[in-house]
């Protein structure tokens, strides 16, 4: 759990350090961390499991992706396995492809940048490349996708989230299954 929390933003690490020292975190910070953690935990297992199912398939170039989308068609994140599954190319919607102006959650664009996405794009989506050495990298990327929906686009536990995985039917995520763990 500490590695999971340490992978979060610097502010989250400072909150963890304050907690470790017995110092009280500000109530707003504590509530935000609790809500985010609950959101990620609620949806993490199906996302991680779907990503691992992609890696388990025979290698083909066009069916190695996952998309998580809210009920607003411009609020989505997606990743594609590339280079023999050694790299995940991930995108967060910038609104570039939408018909109307994109509306981020308050501070959402800044949060997306803080999560490592390149937001300095003239045309296209925000993006980042992530190495895939083993299942723990897939695990952390599943967390990243969910945290991006939460912090960047304002998704919450009651938000309808659709998961599109190549070669599988669309799935509506439901909070719940929290039993999976990275396999390596």
C-alpha atoms as a PDB file:
ATOM      1  CA  UNK A   1       0.000   0.000   0.000  1.00  0.00           C
ATOM      2  CA  UNK A   2       2.856   2.414   0.746  1.00  0.00           C
ATOM      3  CA  UNK A   3       4.332   1.885  -2.741  1.00  0.00           C
ATOM      4  CA  UNK A   4       0.873   2.599  -4.185  1.00  0.00           C
ATOM      5  CA  UNK A   5       0.589   5.832  -2.202  1.00  0.00           C
ATOM      6  CA  UNK A   6       4.178   6.825  -2.906  1.00  0.00           C
ATOM      7  CA  UNK A   7       3.484   6.604  -6.615  1.00  0.00           C
ATOM      8  CA  UNK A   8       0.989   9.436  -6.242  1.00  0.00           C
ATOM      9  CA  UNK A   9       1.754  13.131  -6.494  1.00  0.00           C
ATOM     10  CA  UNK A  10       4.245  14.914  -4.254  1.00  0.00           C
ATOM     11  CA  UNK A  11       1.398  16.384  -2.257  1.00  0.00           C
ATOM     12  CA  UNK A  12       0.100  12.909  -1.499  1.00  0.00           C
ATOM     13  CA  UNK A  13       3.585  11.829  -0.383  1.00  0.00           C
ATOM     14  CA  UNK A  14       3.770  14.855   1.922  1.00  0.00           C
ATOM     15  CA  UNK A  15       0.390  13.877   3.371  1.00  0.00           C
ATOM     16  CA  UNK A  16       1.685  10.352   3.955  1.00  0.00           C
ATOM     17  CA  UNK A  17       4.826  11.746   5.603  1.00  0.00           C
ATOM     18  CA  UNK A  18       2.740  14.004   7.847  1.00  0.00           C
ATOM     19  CA  UNK A  19       0.595  11.041   8.812  1.00  0.00           C
ATOM     20  CA  UNK A  20       3.686   8.926   9.530  1.00  0.00           C
ATOM     21  CA  UNK A  21       5.025  11.619  11.834  1.00  0.00           C
ATOM     22  CA  UNK A  22       1.721  11.817  13.686  1.00  0.00           C
ATOM     23  CA  UNK A  23       0.904  15.257  12.311  1.00  0.00           C
ATOM     24  CA  UNK A  24      -2.684  15.882  11.321  1.00  0.00           C
ATOM     25  CA  UNK A  25      -3.366  16.460   7.644  1.00  0.00           C
ATOM     26  CA  UNK A  26      -5.760  19.319   6.858  1.00  0.00           C
ATOM     27  CA  UNK A  27      -9.382  18.023   6.790  1.00  0.00           C
ATOM     28  CA  UNK A  28      -9.941  18.976   3.128  1.00  0.00           C
ATOM     29  CA  UNK A  29      -6.773  17.107   2.078  1.00  0.00           C
ATOM     30  CA  UNK A  30      -7.728  14.058   4.140  1.00  0.00           C
ATOM     31  CA  UNK A  31     -11.234  13.981   2.645  1.00  0.00           C
ATOM     32  CA  UNK A  32      -9.925  14.400  -0.916  1.00  0.00           C
ATOM     33  CA  UNK A  33      -7.414  11.575  -0.413  1.00  0.00           C
ATOM     34  CA  UNK A  34     -10.111   9.325   1.052  1.00  0.00           C
ATOM     35  CA  UNK A  35     -12.543  10.016  -1.813  1.00  0.00           C
ATOM     36  CA  UNK A  36      -9.852   9.452  -4.469  1.00  0.00           C
ATOM     37  CA  UNK A  37      -8.629   6.261  -2.806  1.00  0.00           C
ATOM     38  CA  UNK A  38     -12.208   4.947  -2.573  1.00  0.00           C
ATOM     39  CA  UNK A  39     -12.806   5.729  -6.259  1.00  0.00           C
ATOM     40  CA  UNK A  40      -9.600   4.028  -7.419  1.00  0.00           C
ATOM     41  CA  UNK A  41     -10.173   1.013  -5.172  1.00  0.00           C
ATOM     42  CA  UNK A  42     -13.769   0.639  -6.370  1.00  0.00           C
ATOM     43  CA  UNK A  43     -12.868   0.310 -10.058  1.00  0.00           C
ATOM     44  CA  UNK A  44      -9.244  -0.818 -10.056  1.00  0.00           C
ATOM     45  CA  UNK A  45      -9.627  -4.595 -10.291  1.00  0.00           C
ATOM     46  CA  UNK A  46     -11.735  -4.774 -13.468  1.00  0.00           C
ATOM     47  CA  UNK A  47      -9.446  -2.255 -15.194  1.00  0.00           C
ATOM     48  CA  UNK A  48      -6.262  -4.054 -14.145  1.00  0.00           C
ATOM     49  CA  UNK A  49      -7.726  -7.460 -15.044  1.00  0.00           C
ATOM     50  CA  UNK A  50      -8.773  -6.205 -18.493  1.00  0.00           C
ATOM     51  CA  UNK A  51      -5.300  -4.790 -19.118  1.00  0.00           C
ATOM     52  CA  UNK A  52      -3.671  -8.078 -18.115  1.00  0.00           C
ATOM     53  CA  UNK A  53      -6.073  -9.956 -20.428  1.00  0.00           C
ATOM     54  CA  UNK A  54      -4.789  -7.818 -23.309  1.00  0.00           C
ATOM     55  CA  UNK A  55      -1.195  -8.777 -22.466  1.00  0.00           C
ATOM     56  CA  UNK A  56      -2.157 -12.464 -22.307  1.00  0.00           C
ATOM     57  CA  UNK A  57      -3.431 -12.486 -25.914  1.00  0.00           C
ATOM     58  CA  UNK A  58      -1.275 -13.381 -28.899  1.00  0.00           C
ATOM     59  CA  UNK A  59       0.466 -10.291 -30.240  1.00  0.00           C
ATOM     60  CA  UNK A  60      -1.437  -8.324 -32.883  1.00  0.00           C
ATOM     61  CA  UNK A  61      -0.996  -4.617 -33.570  1.00  0.00           C
ATOM     62  CA  UNK A  62      -4.609  -3.430 -33.584  1.00  0.00           C
ATOM     63  CA  UNK A  63      -6.359  -5.069 -30.634  1.00  0.00           C
ATOM     64  CA  UNK A  64      -4.197  -4.057 -27.690  1.00  0.00           C
ATOM     65  CA  UNK A  65      -6.077  -1.095 -26.192  1.00  0.00           C
ATOM     66  CA  UNK A  66      -8.333  -0.072 -23.313  1.00  0.00           C
ATOM     67  CA  UNK A  67     -10.567   3.003 -23.089  1.00  0.00           C
ATOM     68  CA  UNK A  68     -12.308   4.292 -19.962  1.00  0.00           C
ATOM     69  CA  UNK A  69     -14.962   6.877 -20.732  1.00  0.00           C
ATOM     70  CA  UNK A  70     -17.472   8.782 -18.639  1.00  0.00           C
ATOM     71  CA  UNK A  71     -20.974   9.468 -19.872  1.00  0.00           C
ATOM     72  CA  UNK A  72     -19.604  12.723 -21.332  1.00  0.00           C
ATOM     73  CA  UNK A  73     -18.047  11.606 -24.619  1.00  0.00           C
ATOM     74  CA  UNK A  74     -15.082  13.972 -24.287  1.00  0.00           C
ATOM     75  CA  UNK A  75     -13.965  12.737 -20.879  1.00  0.00           C
ATOM     76  CA  UNK A  76     -11.928   9.612 -21.436  1.00  0.00           C
ATOM     77  CA  UNK A  77      -8.525   8.030 -20.961  1.00  0.00           C
ATOM     78  CA  UNK A  78      -7.031   5.308 -23.103  1.00  0.00           C
ATOM     79  CA  UNK A  79      -3.895   3.223 -23.426  1.00  0.00           C
ATOM     80  CA  UNK A  80      -2.474   0.976 -26.106  1.00  0.00           C
ATOM     81  CA  UNK A  81       0.216  -1.655 -25.581  1.00  0.00           C
ATOM     82  CA  UNK A  82       3.037  -1.169 -28.074  1.00  0.00           C
ATOM     83  CA  UNK A  83       6.541  -2.440 -28.857  1.00  0.00           C
ATOM     84  CA  UNK A  84       5.886  -6.073 -27.919  1.00  0.00           C
ATOM     85  CA  UNK A  85       4.001  -4.916 -24.821  1.00  0.00           C
ATOM     86  CA  UNK A  86       7.063  -3.130 -23.438  1.00  0.00           C
ATOM     87  CA  UNK A  87       5.409   0.310 -23.637  1.00  0.00           C
ATOM     88  CA  UNK A  88       1.959   1.682 -22.886  1.00  0.00           C
ATOM     89  CA  UNK A  89       1.061   4.743 -24.924  1.00  0.00           C
ATOM     90  CA  UNK A  90      -1.637   6.515 -22.903  1.00  0.00           C
ATOM     91  CA  UNK A  91      -3.837   9.484 -23.675  1.00  0.00           C
ATOM     92  CA  UNK A  92      -6.177  11.712 -21.709  1.00  0.00           C
ATOM     93  CA  UNK A  93      -8.791  13.573 -23.695  1.00  0.00           C
ATOM     94  CA  UNK A  94      -7.922  17.182 -24.417  1.00  0.00           C
ATOM     95  CA  UNK A  95     -11.273  17.892 -26.043  1.00  0.00           C
ATOM     96  CA  UNK A  96      -9.576  18.340 -29.416  1.00  0.00           C
ATOM     97  CA  UNK A  97     -11.781  15.752 -31.120  1.00  0.00           C
ATOM     98  CA  UNK A  98     -15.059  16.911 -29.570  1.00  0.00           C
ATOM     99  CA  UNK A  99     -17.757  19.031 -31.152  1.00  0.00           C
ATOM    100  CA  UNK A 100     -18.021  21.396 -28.191  1.00  0.00           C
ATOM    101  CA  UNK A 101     -15.540  23.075 -25.860  1.00  0.00           C
ATOM    102  CA  UNK A 102     -14.039  20.711 -23.277  1.00  0.00           C
ATOM    103  CA  UNK A 103     -14.833  21.393 -19.622  1.00  0.00           C
ATOM    104  CA  UNK A 104     -12.408  19.970 -17.124  1.00  0.00           C
ATOM    105  CA  UNK A 105     -13.017  19.518 -13.410  1.00  0.00           C
ATOM    106  CA  UNK A 106     -11.773  22.473 -11.340  1.00  0.00           C
ATOM    107  CA  UNK A 107      -7.971  22.281 -11.610  1.00  0.00           C
ATOM    108  CA  UNK A 108      -8.351  19.274 -13.919  1.00  0.00           C
ATOM    109  CA  UNK A 109      -5.953  20.329 -16.641  1.00  0.00           C
ATOM    110  CA  UNK A 110      -3.265  21.050 -14.033  1.00  0.00           C
ATOM    111  CA  UNK A 111      -3.959  17.688 -12.362  1.00  0.00           C
ATOM    112  CA  UNK A 112      -3.600  15.870 -15.693  1.00  0.00           C
ATOM    113  CA  UNK A 113      -0.214  17.531 -16.202  1.00  0.00           C
ATOM    114  CA  UNK A 114       0.829  16.625 -12.648  1.00  0.00           C
ATOM    115  CA  UNK A 115      -0.013  12.988 -13.432  1.00  0.00           C
ATOM    116  CA  UNK A 116       2.635  13.041 -16.162  1.00  0.00           C
ATOM    117  CA  UNK A 117       0.636  13.757 -19.305  1.00  0.00           C
ATOM    118  CA  UNK A 118       2.096  16.163 -21.834  1.00  0.00           C
ATOM    119  CA  UNK A 119      -0.553  18.880 -22.085  1.00  0.00           C
ATOM    120  CA  UNK A 120       1.462  21.067 -24.462  1.00  0.00           C
ATOM    121  CA  UNK A 121      -0.157  19.703 -27.598  1.00  0.00           C
ATOM    122  CA  UNK A 122      -1.542  21.853 -30.405  1.00  0.00           C
ATOM    123  CA  UNK A 123      -3.703  19.143 -31.932  1.00  0.00           C
ATOM    124  CA  UNK A 124      -4.619  15.825 -30.386  1.00  0.00           C
ATOM    125  CA  UNK A 125      -4.893  14.444 -26.883  1.00  0.00           C
ATOM    126  CA  UNK A 126      -2.642  14.782 -23.851  1.00  0.00           C
ATOM    127  CA  UNK A 127      -0.266  11.824 -23.804  1.00  0.00           C
ATOM    128  CA  UNK A 128       2.468   9.942 -22.009  1.00  0.00           C
ATOM    129  CA  UNK A 129       4.499   6.809 -22.610  1.00  0.00           C
ATOM    130  CA  UNK A 130       4.897   4.304 -19.753  1.00  0.00           C
ATOM    131  CA  UNK A 131       7.346   1.408 -19.621  1.00  0.00           C
ATOM    132  CA  UNK A 132       5.931  -2.066 -18.974  1.00  0.00           C
ATOM    133  CA  UNK A 133       8.443  -4.339 -17.260  1.00  0.00           C
ATOM    134  CA  UNK A 134       5.965  -6.512 -15.358  1.00  0.00           C
ATOM    135  CA  UNK A 135       2.469  -6.609 -13.886  1.00  0.00           C
ATOM    136  CA  UNK A 136       3.231  -3.928 -11.314  1.00  0.00           C
ATOM    137  CA  UNK A 137       3.596  -1.421 -14.166  1.00  0.00           C
ATOM    138  CA  UNK A 138       0.178  -2.468 -15.488  1.00  0.00           C
ATOM    139  CA  UNK A 139      -1.199  -2.177 -11.936  1.00  0.00           C
ATOM    140  CA  UNK A 140       0.104   1.389 -11.572  1.00  0.00           C
ATOM    141  CA  UNK A 141      -1.197   2.357 -15.025  1.00  0.00           C
ATOM    142  CA  UNK A 142      -4.691   1.134 -14.113  1.00  0.00           C
ATOM    143  CA  UNK A 143      -4.452   3.404 -11.049  1.00  0.00           C
ATOM    144  CA  UNK A 144      -3.246   6.291 -13.228  1.00  0.00           C
ATOM    145  CA  UNK A 145      -6.187   5.953 -15.632  1.00  0.00           C
ATOM    146  CA  UNK A 146      -8.690   6.037 -12.789  1.00  0.00           C
ATOM    147  CA  UNK A 147      -6.957   8.900 -10.983  1.00  0.00           C
ATOM    148  CA  UNK A 148      -6.979  10.874 -14.243  1.00  0.00           C
ATOM    149  CA  UNK A 149     -10.736  10.372 -14.608  1.00  0.00           C
ATOM    150  CA  UNK A 150     -11.202  11.472 -11.001  1.00  0.00           C
ATOM    151  CA  UNK A 151      -8.863  14.471 -10.846  1.00  0.00           C
ATOM    152  CA  UNK A 152      -8.989  15.595 -14.463  1.00  0.00           C
ATOM    153  CA  UNK A 153     -12.621  15.091 -15.359  1.00  0.00           C
ATOM    154  CA  UNK A 154     -14.451  14.978 -12.036  1.00  0.00           C
ATOM    155  CA  UNK A 155     -15.548  11.316 -12.181  1.00  0.00           C
ATOM    156  CA  UNK A 156     -16.883  10.008  -8.875  1.00  0.00           C
ATOM    157  CA  UNK A 157     -18.330   6.734  -7.579  1.00  0.00           C
ATOM    158  CA  UNK A 158     -21.761   7.578  -9.040  1.00  0.00           C
ATOM    159  CA  UNK A 159     -20.343   8.448 -12.478  1.00  0.00           C
ATOM    160  CA  UNK A 160     -21.182   5.994 -15.243  1.00  0.00           C
ATOM    161  CA  UNK A 161     -17.868   4.663 -16.563  1.00  0.00           C
ATOM    162  CA  UNK A 162     -17.701   2.583 -19.721  1.00  0.00           C
ATOM    163  CA  UNK A 163     -14.737   0.321 -20.370  1.00  0.00           C
ATOM    164  CA  UNK A 164     -13.918  -0.574 -23.963  1.00  0.00           C
ATOM    165  CA  UNK A 165     -11.337  -3.309 -24.460  1.00  0.00           C
ATOM    166  CA  UNK A 166     -10.378  -4.566 -27.902  1.00  0.00           C
ATOM    167  CA  UNK A 167     -12.262  -7.719 -28.932  1.00  0.00           C
ATOM    168  CA  UNK A 168     -14.548  -7.621 -25.874  1.00  0.00           C
ATOM    169  CA  UNK A 169     -18.049  -6.186 -25.446  1.00  0.00           C
ATOM    170  CA  UNK A 170     -18.378  -2.768 -23.811  1.00  0.00           C
ATOM    171  CA  UNK A 171     -18.605  -2.984 -20.022  1.00  0.00           C
ATOM    172  CA  UNK A 172     -20.201  -0.557 -17.572  1.00  0.00           C
ATOM    173  CA  UNK A 173     -17.959  -0.545 -14.506  1.00  0.00           C
ATOM    174  CA  UNK A 174     -19.588  -1.088 -11.131  1.00  0.00           C
ATOM    175  CA  UNK A 175     -17.818  -0.364  -7.859  1.00  0.00           C
ATOM    176  CA  UNK A 176     -16.896  -3.452  -5.950  1.00  0.00           C
ATOM    177  CA  UNK A 177     -14.387  -6.202  -6.660  1.00  0.00           C
ATOM    178  CA  UNK A 178     -11.242  -5.356  -4.705  1.00  0.00           C
ATOM    179  CA  UNK A 179      -9.579  -8.753  -4.579  1.00  0.00           C
ATOM    180  CA  UNK A 180      -6.995  -8.622  -7.365  1.00  0.00           C
ATOM    181  CA  UNK A 181      -3.262  -8.068  -6.837  1.00  0.00           C
ATOM    182  CA  UNK A 182      -0.395  -7.675  -9.297  1.00  0.00           C
ATOM    183  CA  UNK A 183       0.964 -11.052 -10.349  1.00  0.00           C
ATOM    184  CA  UNK A 184       4.655 -10.175 -10.536  1.00  0.00           C
END
